[in-house]
C-alpha atoms as a PDB file:
ATOM      1  CA  MET A   1      39.119  55.827  11.927  1.00  0.00           C
ATOM      2  CA  SER A   2      36.899  58.585  10.505  1.00  0.00           C
ATOM      3  CA  ARG A   3      33.460  59.339  11.910  1.00  0.00           C
ATOM      4  CA  ILE A   4      31.718  57.742   8.953  1.00  0.00           C
ATOM      5  CA  ALA A   5      33.841  54.586   9.151  1.00  0.00           C
ATOM      6  CA  TYR A   6      32.233  53.725  12.504  1.00  0.00           C
ATOM      7  CA  ALA A   7      28.681  54.280  11.263  1.00  0.00           C
ATOM      8  CA  SER A   8      27.792  50.653  10.561  1.00  0.00           C
ATOM      9  CA  VAL A   9      26.188  49.791  13.922  1.00  0.00           C
ATOM     10  CA  LEU A  10      23.472  47.352  15.071  1.00  0.00           C
ATOM     11  CA  ALA A  11      21.092  46.618  12.196  1.00  0.00           C
ATOM     12  CA  SER A  12      17.864  44.846  11.491  1.00  0.00           C
ATOM     13  CA  ALA A  13      15.830  44.837   8.331  1.00  0.00           C
ATOM     14  CA  PHE A  14      12.611  43.919   6.633  1.00  0.00           C
ATOM     15  CA  ALA A  15      10.147  41.118   7.406  1.00  0.00           C
ATOM     16  CA  CYS A  16       9.301  38.733   4.589  1.00  0.00           C
ATOM     17  CA  THR A  17       6.746  35.935   5.083  1.00  0.00           C
ATOM     18  CA  LEU A  18       5.332  33.089   3.080  1.00  0.00           C
ATOM     19  CA  SER A  19       2.248  32.401   5.154  1.00  0.00           C
ATOM     20  CA  GLY A  20       1.274  29.367   3.073  1.00  0.00           C
ATOM     21  CA  ALA A  21       4.509  27.508   3.864  1.00  0.00           C
ATOM     22  CA  ALA A  22       4.339  26.722   7.550  1.00  0.00           C
ATOM     23  CA  LEU A  23       7.810  25.330   8.170  1.00  0.00           C
ATOM     24  CA  ALA A  24      10.641  26.422  10.458  1.00  0.00           C
ATOM     25  CA  THR A  25       9.169  29.597  11.901  1.00  0.00           C
ATOM     26  CA  GLU A  26       5.875  30.585  10.350  1.00  0.00           C
ATOM     27  CA  GLY A  27       6.298  30.857   6.593  1.00  0.00           C
ATOM     28  CA  GLY A  28       9.961  29.842   6.769  1.00  0.00           C
ATOM     29  CA  GLY A  29      11.085  33.400   7.404  1.00  0.00           C
ATOM     30  CA  GLY A  30      12.261  35.487  10.348  1.00  0.00           C
ATOM     31  CA  ALA A  31      11.970  39.069  11.491  1.00  0.00           C
ATOM     32  CA  TYR A  32      15.619  39.878  10.709  1.00  0.00           C
ATOM     33  CA  ALA A  33      17.181  39.875   7.246  1.00  0.00           C
ATOM     34  CA  ASN A  34      20.278  37.785   7.906  1.00  0.00           C
ATOM     35  CA  GLY A  35      23.486  39.258   6.531  1.00  0.00           C
ATOM     36  CA  ALA A  36      22.414  42.898   6.797  1.00  0.00           C
ATOM     37  CA  GLU A  37      25.486  43.886   8.833  1.00  0.00           C
ATOM     38  CA  SER A  38      29.196  43.489   8.223  1.00  0.00           C
ATOM     39  CA  PHE A  39      32.018  46.075   8.509  1.00  0.00           C
ATOM     40  CA  MET A  40      32.518  47.649  11.961  1.00  0.00           C
ATOM     41  CA  THR A  41      29.191  46.352  13.225  1.00  0.00           C
ATOM     42  CA  GLY A  42      30.409  46.290  16.841  1.00  0.00           C
ATOM     43  CA  ALA A  43      31.842  49.828  16.910  1.00  0.00           C
ATOM     44  CA  LEU A  44      29.458  52.603  17.923  1.00  0.00           C
ATOM     45  CA  PRO A  45      30.194  55.806  15.961  1.00  0.00           C
ATOM     46  CA  PRO A  46      30.913  59.159  17.655  1.00  0.00           C
ATOM     47  CA  PRO A  47      27.985  61.269  18.960  1.00  0.00           C
ATOM     48  CA  GLY A  48      25.769  62.596  16.198  1.00  0.00           C
ATOM     49  CA  PHE A  49      22.976  61.691  13.794  1.00  0.00           C
ATOM     50  CA  TYR A  50      23.304  59.050  11.064  1.00  0.00           C
ATOM     51  CA  ALA A  51      20.951  58.153   8.207  1.00  0.00           C
ATOM     52  CA  LEU A  52      21.242  54.731   6.568  1.00  0.00           C
ATOM     53  CA  SER A  53      19.638  52.980   3.638  1.00  0.00           C
ATOM     54  CA  TYR A  54      19.822  49.176   3.310  1.00  0.00           C
ATOM     55  CA  ASN A  55      18.884  47.935  -0.158  1.00  0.00           C
ATOM     56  CA  GLN A  56      18.536  44.212  -0.744  1.00  0.00           C
ATOM     57  CA  TYR A  57      17.548  42.000  -3.656  1.00  0.00           C
ATOM     58  CA  TYR A  58      16.925  38.341  -2.766  1.00  0.00           C
ATOM     59  CA  THR A  59      16.031  35.451  -5.053  1.00  0.00           C
ATOM     60  CA  ALA A  60      15.325  31.836  -4.121  1.00  0.00           C
ATOM     61  CA  GLY A  61      14.301  29.001  -6.403  1.00  0.00           C
ATOM     62  CA  GLU A  62      14.013  26.228  -3.846  1.00  0.00           C
ATOM     63  CA  PHE A  63      12.486  25.696  -0.407  1.00  0.00           C
ATOM     64  CA  LYS A  64      14.613  23.206   1.548  1.00  0.00           C
ATOM     65  CA  ASN A  65      12.452  21.131   3.880  1.00  0.00           C
ATOM     66  CA  ASP A  66      12.048  17.684   5.421  1.00  0.00           C
ATOM     67  CA  ALA A  67       8.612  17.146   3.896  1.00  0.00           C
ATOM     68  CA  PRO A  68       8.068  16.595   0.137  1.00  0.00           C
ATOM     69  CA  PRO A  69       9.536  19.608  -1.708  1.00  0.00           C
ATOM     70  CA  PHE A  70       7.374  22.458  -2.902  1.00  0.00           C
ATOM     71  CA  ALA A  71       6.868  22.254  -6.655  1.00  0.00           C
ATOM     72  CA  ASP A  72       8.060  25.154  -8.797  1.00  0.00           C
ATOM     73  CA  PHE A  73       8.957  27.331  -5.821  1.00  0.00           C
ATOM     74  CA  ASP A  74      10.080  30.863  -6.641  1.00  0.00           C
ATOM     75  CA  LEU A  75      10.651  33.854  -4.364  1.00  0.00           C
ATOM     76  CA  THR A  76      11.875  37.371  -5.111  1.00  0.00           C
ATOM     77  CA  VAL A  77      12.181  40.152  -2.541  1.00  0.00           C
ATOM     78  CA  ALA A  78      13.278  43.733  -3.196  1.00  0.00           C
ATOM     79  CA  ALA A  79      13.552  45.855  -0.062  1.00  0.00           C
ATOM     80  CA  THR A  80      14.729  49.246   1.104  1.00  0.00           C
ATOM     81  CA  ILE A  81      15.073  49.923   4.803  1.00  0.00           C
ATOM     82  CA  PHE A  82      15.530  53.472   6.063  1.00  0.00           C
ATOM     83  CA  ARG A  83      17.262  53.738   9.420  1.00  0.00           C
ATOM     84  CA  ALA A  84      17.931  56.651  11.733  1.00  0.00           C
ATOM     85  CA  VAL A  85      20.633  56.396  14.415  1.00  0.00           C
ATOM     86  CA  TYR A  86      21.245  58.974  17.132  1.00  0.00           C
ATOM     87  CA  VAL A  87      24.356  58.620  19.292  1.00  0.00           C
ATOM     88  CA  THR A  88      24.219  60.808  22.381  1.00  0.00           C
ATOM     89  CA  ASP A  89      27.071  62.209  24.455  1.00  0.00           C
ATOM     90  CA  VAL A  90      25.594  60.589  27.591  1.00  0.00           C
ATOM     91  CA  SER A  91      27.738  58.011  29.393  1.00  0.00           C
ATOM     92  CA  ILE A  92      26.046  54.950  30.957  1.00  0.00           C
ATOM     93  CA  LEU A  93      28.000  52.149  32.662  1.00  0.00           C
ATOM     94  CA  GLY A  94      31.178  53.501  31.100  1.00  0.00           C
ATOM     95  CA  GLY A  95      29.698  53.322  27.588  1.00  0.00           C
ATOM     96  CA  THR A  96      27.843  55.689  25.253  1.00  0.00           C
ATOM     97  CA  TRP A  97      24.049  55.710  24.968  1.00  0.00           C
ATOM     98  CA  ALA A  98      22.481  55.556  21.498  1.00  0.00           C
ATOM     99  CA  MET A  99      19.121  54.758  19.888  1.00  0.00           C
ATOM    100  CA  HIS A 100      17.786  53.817  16.474  1.00  0.00           C
ATOM    101  CA  ALA A 101      14.611  53.145  14.468  1.00  0.00           C
ATOM    102  CA  PHE A 102      13.845  51.512  11.098  1.00  0.00           C
ATOM    103  CA  LEU A 103      11.227  52.005   8.402  1.00  0.00           C
ATOM    104  CA  PRO A 104      11.301  48.966   6.073  1.00  0.00           C
ATOM    105  CA  PHE A 105       9.624  48.857   2.658  1.00  0.00           C
ATOM    106  CA  ALA A 106       9.490  45.635   0.658  1.00  0.00           C
ATOM    107  CA  LYS A 107       8.048  44.084  -2.489  1.00  0.00           C
ATOM    108  CA  VAL A 108       7.527  40.313  -2.308  1.00  0.00           C
ATOM    109  CA  ASP A 109       6.695  37.989  -5.222  1.00  0.00           C
ATOM    110  CA  VAL A 110       6.187  34.295  -4.501  1.00  0.00           C
ATOM    111  CA  GLY A 111       5.073  31.292  -6.512  1.00  0.00           C
ATOM    112  CA  MET A 112       4.449  27.719  -5.336  1.00  0.00           C
ATOM    113  CA  GLY A 113       3.177  25.343  -7.982  1.00  0.00           C
ATOM    114  CA  ALA A 114       0.063  26.823  -9.576  1.00  0.00           C
ATOM    115  CA  ALA A 115      -0.343  29.428  -6.822  1.00  0.00           C
ATOM    116  CA  SER A 116       1.312  32.840  -6.822  1.00  0.00           C
ATOM    117  CA  ASP A 117       0.976  36.091  -4.933  1.00  0.00           C
ATOM    118  CA  ASN A 118       2.706  39.416  -4.366  1.00  0.00           C
ATOM    119  CA  ALA A 119       2.688  42.118  -1.728  1.00  0.00           C
ATOM    120  CA  SER A 120       4.368  45.467  -1.223  1.00  0.00           C
ATOM    121  CA  GLY A 121       4.451  48.320   1.257  1.00  0.00           C
ATOM    122  CA  LEU A 122       5.607  49.194   4.757  1.00  0.00           C
ATOM    123  CA  GLY A 123       6.892  46.254   6.765  1.00  0.00           C
ATOM    124  CA  ASP A 124       7.339  45.837  10.511  1.00  0.00           C
ATOM    125  CA  ILE A 125       8.896  48.908  12.154  1.00  0.00           C
ATOM    126  CA  ILE A 126      11.913  48.259  14.421  1.00  0.00           C
ATOM    127  CA  ILE A 127      12.952  50.365  17.420  1.00  0.00           C
ATOM    128  CA  ASP A 128      15.649  50.290  20.074  1.00  0.00           C
ATOM    129  CA  PRO A 129      15.753  53.281  22.439  1.00  0.00           C
ATOM    130  CA  PHE A 130      18.555  51.926  24.608  1.00  0.00           C
ATOM    131  CA  ILE A 131      21.811  50.935  22.898  1.00  0.00           C
ATOM    132  CA  ILE A 132      25.141  51.123  24.756  1.00  0.00           C
ATOM    133  CA  GLY A 133      28.555  51.023  23.086  1.00  0.00           C
ATOM    134  CA  TRP A 134      32.047  50.698  24.581  1.00  0.00           C
ATOM    135  CA  HIS A 135      35.557  51.204  23.144  1.00  0.00           C
ATOM    136  CA  PHE A 136      38.590  49.354  24.580  1.00  0.00           C
ATOM    137  CA  GLY A 137      41.468  50.282  22.307  1.00  0.00           C
ATOM    138  CA  GLU A 138      41.365  47.860  19.375  1.00  0.00           C
ATOM    139  CA  PHE A 139      38.205  46.212  20.723  1.00  0.00           C
ATOM    140  CA  HIS A 140      34.665  47.606  20.507  1.00  0.00           C
ATOM    141  CA  LEU A 141      31.393  46.301  21.934  1.00  0.00           C
ATOM    142  CA  ILE A 142      27.689  47.139  21.536  1.00  0.00           C
ATOM    143  CA  THR A 143      24.589  45.775  23.251  1.00  0.00           C
ATOM    144  CA  GLY A 144      20.913  46.540  22.825  1.00  0.00           C
ATOM    145  CA  LEU A 145      17.376  45.165  22.520  1.00  0.00           C
ATOM    146  CA  ASP A 146      15.694  45.505  19.125  1.00  0.00           C
ATOM    147  CA  ILE A 147      11.880  45.369  19.120  1.00  0.00           C
ATOM    148  CA  TYR A 148       9.985  44.454  15.934  1.00  0.00           C
ATOM    149  CA  LEU A 149       6.456  45.880  15.919  1.00  0.00           C
ATOM    150  CA  PRO A 150       3.657  44.274  13.829  1.00  0.00           C
ATOM    151  CA  THR A 151       2.960  47.338  11.667  1.00  0.00           C
ATOM    152  CA  GLY A 152       3.199  45.697   8.233  1.00  0.00           C
ATOM    153  CA  ALA A 153       0.122  44.568   6.303  1.00  0.00           C
ATOM    154  CA  TYR A 154      -0.800  40.942   6.965  1.00  0.00           C
ATOM    155  CA  ASP A 155      -3.577  38.583   5.868  1.00  0.00           C
ATOM    156  CA  LYS A 156      -3.431  34.936   6.902  1.00  0.00           C
ATOM    157  CA  ASN A 157      -5.125  33.940   3.639  1.00  0.00           C
ATOM    158  CA  ASP A 158      -2.407  35.541   1.477  1.00  0.00           C
ATOM    159  CA  LEU A 159       0.633  33.657   0.254  1.00  0.00           C
ATOM    160  CA  ALA A 160       2.839  36.783   0.436  1.00  0.00           C
ATOM    161  CA  ASN A 161       2.924  39.358   3.225  1.00  0.00           C
ATOM    162  CA  VAL A 162       5.248  42.226   4.159  1.00  0.00           C
ATOM    163  CA  GLY A 163       4.325  41.990   7.859  1.00  0.00           C
ATOM    164  CA  ARG A 164       4.469  39.071  10.289  1.00  0.00           C
ATOM    165  CA  ASN A 165       1.586  40.002  12.642  1.00  0.00           C
ATOM    166  CA  TYR A 166       3.547  39.412  15.839  1.00  0.00           C
ATOM    167  CA  THR A 167       6.108  41.176  18.007  1.00  0.00           C
ATOM    168  CA  THR A 168       9.717  39.988  18.221  1.00  0.00           C
ATOM    169  CA  PHE A 169      12.190  40.908  20.983  1.00  0.00           C
ATOM    170  CA  THR A 170      15.857  40.559  19.993  1.00  0.00           C
ATOM    171  CA  PRO A 171      18.737  40.994  22.459  1.00  0.00           C
ATOM    172  CA  VAL A 172      21.847  41.974  20.479  1.00  0.00           C
ATOM    173  CA  LEU A 173      25.574  41.701  21.206  1.00  0.00           C
ATOM    174  CA  ALA A 174      28.002  43.039  18.591  1.00  0.00           C
ATOM    175  CA  ALA A 175      31.804  43.177  18.715  1.00  0.00           C
ATOM    176  CA  THR A 176      34.592  44.480  16.477  1.00  0.00           C
ATOM    177  CA  TRP A 177      38.359  44.057  16.596  1.00  0.00           C
ATOM    178  CA  LEU A 178      40.346  46.411  14.357  1.00  0.00           C
ATOM    179  CA  ASN A 179      44.123  46.687  14.667  1.00  0.00           C
ATOM    180  CA  ALA A 180      46.543  49.369  13.489  1.00  0.00           C
ATOM    181  CA  GLU A 181      47.337  47.408  10.310  1.00  0.00           C
ATOM    182  CA  GLY A 182      43.680  47.523   9.254  1.00  0.00           C
ATOM    183  CA  TYR A 183      42.719  43.909   9.910  1.00  0.00           C
ATOM    184  CA  GLU A 184      39.157  43.550  11.177  1.00  0.00           C
ATOM    185  CA  ALA A 185      37.005  40.810  12.691  1.00  0.00           C
ATOM    186  CA  SER A 186      33.385  41.676  13.490  1.00  0.00           C
ATOM    187  CA  PHE A 187      30.217  39.849  14.447  1.00  0.00           C
ATOM    188  CA  LYS A 188      26.702  40.642  15.588  1.00  0.00           C
ATOM    189  CA  LEU A 189      24.956  37.946  17.653  1.00  0.00           C
ATOM    190  CA  MET A 190      21.146  38.014  17.967  1.00  0.00           C
ATOM    191  CA  TYR A 191      18.482  35.909  19.709  1.00  0.00           C
ATOM    192  CA  ASP A 192      14.907  36.353  18.483  1.00  0.00           C
ATOM    193  CA  ILE A 193      12.063  35.765  20.956  1.00  0.00           C
ATOM    194  CA  ASN A 194       8.822  35.597  18.987  1.00  0.00           C
ATOM    195  CA  THR A 195       5.313  36.181  20.315  1.00  0.00           C
ATOM    196  CA  GLU A 196       2.124  34.543  19.003  1.00  0.00           C
ATOM    197  CA  ASN A 197       0.527  35.362  15.677  1.00  0.00           C
ATOM    198  CA  THR A 198      -3.048  35.620  16.956  1.00  0.00           C
ATOM    199  CA  ALA A 199      -4.501  35.391  13.449  1.00  0.00           C
ATOM    200  CA  THR A 200      -3.130  31.865  12.988  1.00  0.00           C
ATOM    201  CA  ASP A 201      -2.586  30.639  16.588  1.00  0.00           C
ATOM    202  CA  TYR A 202       1.047  30.096  15.612  1.00  0.00           C
ATOM    203  CA  THR A 203       4.106  30.874  17.725  1.00  0.00           C
ATOM    204  CA  SER A 204       7.374  30.705  15.805  1.00  0.00           C
ATOM    205  CA  GLY A 205      10.314  29.185  17.658  1.00  0.00           C
ATOM    206  CA  ASN A 206      13.171  31.266  18.998  1.00  0.00           C
ATOM    207  CA  GLU A 207      16.064  31.929  16.612  1.00  0.00           C
ATOM    208  CA  LEU A 208      19.821  32.319  17.183  1.00  0.00           C
ATOM    209  CA  HIS A 209      21.766  33.991  14.379  1.00  0.00           C
ATOM    210  CA  ALA A 210      24.899  36.001  13.731  1.00  0.00           C
ATOM    211  CA  ASP A 211      26.307  38.263  11.013  1.00  0.00           C
ATOM    212  CA  PHE A 212      30.105  38.197  10.674  1.00  0.00           C
ATOM    213  CA  ILE A 213      33.023  39.422   8.574  1.00  0.00           C
ATOM    214  CA  LEU A 214      36.808  39.159   8.274  1.00  0.00           C
ATOM    215  CA  ALA A 215      38.197  42.192   6.447  1.00  0.00           C
ATOM    216  CA  LYS A 216      41.196  44.338   5.549  1.00  0.00           C
ATOM    217  CA  HIS A 217      41.101  48.157   5.473  1.00  0.00           C
ATOM    218  CA  TRP A 218      43.262  50.391   3.285  1.00  0.00           C
ATOM    219  CA  GLY A 219      42.290  53.926   4.253  1.00  0.00           C
ATOM    220  CA  PRO A 220      38.712  54.526   2.991  1.00  0.00           C
ATOM    221  CA  LEU A 221      38.583  51.129   1.248  1.00  0.00           C
ATOM    222  CA  ALA A 222      37.740  47.845   2.947  1.00  0.00           C
ATOM    223  CA  VAL A 223      37.401  44.353   1.470  1.00  0.00           C
ATOM    224  CA  GLY A 224      36.163  41.290   3.299  1.00  0.00           C
ATOM    225  CA  LEU A 225      34.581  37.867   3.338  1.00  0.00           C
ATOM    226  CA  GLY A 226      31.438  37.673   5.421  1.00  0.00           C
ATOM    227  CA  GLY A 227      27.910  36.476   5.815  1.00  0.00           C
ATOM    228  CA  TYR A 228      25.700  34.925   8.438  1.00  0.00           C
ATOM    229  CA  ALA A 229      24.802  31.746  10.303  1.00  0.00           C
ATOM    230  CA  TYR A 230      21.229  31.022  11.389  1.00  0.00           C
ATOM    231  CA  LYS A 231      19.771  28.297  13.599  1.00  0.00           C
ATOM    232  CA  GLN A 232      16.263  27.952  15.001  1.00  0.00           C
ATOM    233  CA  VAL A 233      16.751  26.663  18.544  1.00  0.00           C
ATOM    234  CA  THR A 234      13.179  25.961  19.682  1.00  0.00           C
ATOM    235  CA  GLY A 235      10.330  24.455  17.682  1.00  0.00           C
ATOM    236  CA  ASP A 236       7.190  26.182  16.520  1.00  0.00           C
ATOM    237  CA  SER A 237       4.091  25.780  18.675  1.00  0.00           C
ATOM    238  CA  GLY A 238       0.396  26.564  18.854  1.00  0.00           C
ATOM    239  CA  ALA A 239      -2.713  25.172  17.193  1.00  0.00           C
ATOM    240  CA  GLY A 240      -1.599  26.563  13.826  1.00  0.00           C
ATOM    241  CA  ALA A 241       1.740  24.705  13.848  1.00  0.00           C
ATOM    242  CA  VAL A 242       0.195  21.595  12.312  1.00  0.00           C
ATOM    243  CA  LEU A 243       3.457  20.270  10.858  1.00  0.00           C
ATOM    244  CA  GLY A 244       5.062  19.873  14.268  1.00  0.00           C
ATOM    245  CA  ASP A 245       8.468  20.693  15.720  1.00  0.00           C
ATOM    246  CA  PHE A 246      10.337  21.747  12.574  1.00  0.00           C
ATOM    247  CA  LYS A 247      13.464  23.883  12.927  1.00  0.00           C
ATOM    248  CA  GLY A 248      15.294  25.888  10.292  1.00  0.00           C
ATOM    249  CA  GLN A 249      18.922  26.666   9.610  1.00  0.00           C
ATOM    250  CA  ALA A 250      20.990  28.442   6.959  1.00  0.00           C
ATOM    251  CA  VAL A 251      24.462  29.798   6.254  1.00  0.00           C
ATOM    252  CA  GLY A 252      25.283  32.595   3.813  1.00  0.00           C
ATOM    253  CA  LEU A 253      28.753  33.623   2.648  1.00  0.00           C
ATOM    254  CA  GLY A 254      30.288  35.928   0.071  1.00  0.00           C
ATOM    255  CA  PRO A 255      32.568  38.881  -0.778  1.00  0.00           C
ATOM    256  CA  GLN A 256      31.981  42.374   0.616  1.00  0.00           C
ATOM    257  CA  LEU A 257      33.348  45.791  -0.323  1.00  0.00           C
ATOM    258  CA  SER A 258      33.089  49.174   1.412  1.00  0.00           C
ATOM    259  CA  TYR A 259      34.310  52.646   0.502  1.00  0.00           C
ATOM    260  CA  GLY A 260      34.022  55.941   2.376  1.00  0.00           C
ATOM    261  CA  ALA A 261      34.209  59.442   0.885  1.00  0.00           C
ATOM    262  CA  GLY A 262      33.610  62.405   3.160  1.00  0.00           C
ATOM    263  CA  ASN A 263      30.461  61.749   5.191  1.00  0.00           C
ATOM    264  CA  LEU A 264      29.211  58.972   2.882  1.00  0.00           C
ATOM    265  CA  GLN A 265      29.940  55.264   3.202  1.00  0.00           C
ATOM    266  CA  VAL A 266      28.919  52.770   0.481  1.00  0.00           C
ATOM    267  CA  THR A 267      28.899  49.003   1.045  1.00  0.00           C
ATOM    268  CA  ALA A 268      28.209  46.333  -1.569  1.00  0.00           C
ATOM    269  CA  LYS A 269      28.006  42.599  -0.901  1.00  0.00           C
ATOM    270  CA  TYR A 270      26.858  39.260  -2.254  1.00  0.00           C
ATOM    271  CA  GLN A 271      25.838  36.256  -0.146  1.00  0.00           C
ATOM    272  CA  SER A 272      25.052  32.735  -1.346  1.00  0.00           C
ATOM    273  CA  GLU A 273      23.110  30.434   0.985  1.00  0.00           C
ATOM    274  CA  PHE A 274      23.978  26.801   1.761  1.00  0.00           C
ATOM    275  CA  ALA A 275      23.441  24.192   4.522  1.00  0.00           C
ATOM    276  CA  VAL A 276      19.783  25.241   4.455  1.00  0.00           C
ATOM    277  CA  GLU A 277      16.994  23.325   6.191  1.00  0.00           C
ATOM    278  CA  ASN A 278      13.281  24.181   6.286  1.00  0.00           C
ATOM    279  CA  LYS A 279      13.807  27.597   4.673  1.00  0.00           C
ATOM    280  CA  PRO A 280      14.168  29.103   1.202  1.00  0.00           C
ATOM    281  CA  GLU A 281      17.675  28.778  -0.304  1.00  0.00           C
ATOM    282  CA  GLY A 282      18.864  31.598  -2.532  1.00  0.00           C
ATOM    283  CA  ASP A 283      21.204  34.522  -3.126  1.00  0.00           C
ATOM    284  CA  LYS A 284      21.322  38.037  -1.658  1.00  0.00           C
ATOM    285  CA  PHE A 285      22.676  41.233  -3.131  1.00  0.00           C
ATOM    286  CA  TRP A 286      23.102  44.336  -0.934  1.00  0.00           C
ATOM    287  CA  LEU A 287      23.883  47.992  -1.572  1.00  0.00           C
ATOM    288  CA  ASN A 288      23.971  49.937   1.692  1.00  0.00           C
ATOM    289  CA  LEU A 289      24.514  53.677   2.184  1.00  0.00           C
ATOM    290  CA  THR A 290      25.429  55.546   5.368  1.00  0.00           C
ATOM    291  CA  LEU A 291      25.415  59.322   5.749  1.00  0.00           C
ATOM    292  CA  ALA A 292      26.837  61.065   8.818  1.00  0.00           C
ATOM    293  CA  PHE A 293      25.515  64.511   9.742  1.00  0.00           C
END
């Protein structure tokens, strides 16, 4: 595999909240944009510096929930997330030490009945100074701890926000199997531990989710079927969680395509959501770029 072909490693993305819809984590959203990762997500690239751009367009016309449905619900999110990855030549526990950071920018438009709102700007910055990756022949493994910092603008009285106003700690385990014939199976497993939103006295429940893909590589071209599975495993809590112990879930699935030329890798994908509970249900379009220096 070329240096750029390994460059899709541990990702996170923007935060998108609907603070008026307090169901299944505050606002029905989470810190991580599910489905951000796919090809080779468990294979740490060779030592060097990598710049990535994740570009997502998400639309949802329905909020799936156990209570009476929201009337005329509409959500659109356009986001670009800039990510810097540095892979060192330092060996730790038999693996390679790396680090990364994200700068997410998002524009959110939301409507619920007669109410509507929009927000745009810098979201919650994500850092992980201690990533370790291992290679075992056809098998590759990465572990780390992503930290989401509450840097995005937030107002509890707004319907749309680009920040979540709390810190999230996410242990990550990613794995890739790629054989000599070019068949690949990859997943990235994450567990979000959310702290309290002090502005609303609301603590979102912990979330278990995974991105995954099955793919075939032909030289610089790869085609696959992938997506994500999400399940909230503990209920929301705090004085602000007035609707009780709601939990969310969702699955997204769709085709994915990647092509590498020189030091540039381009990935395009579509994901349609189903089996959704207590969250928006919609469609995601991604165009991701990776540049190896």
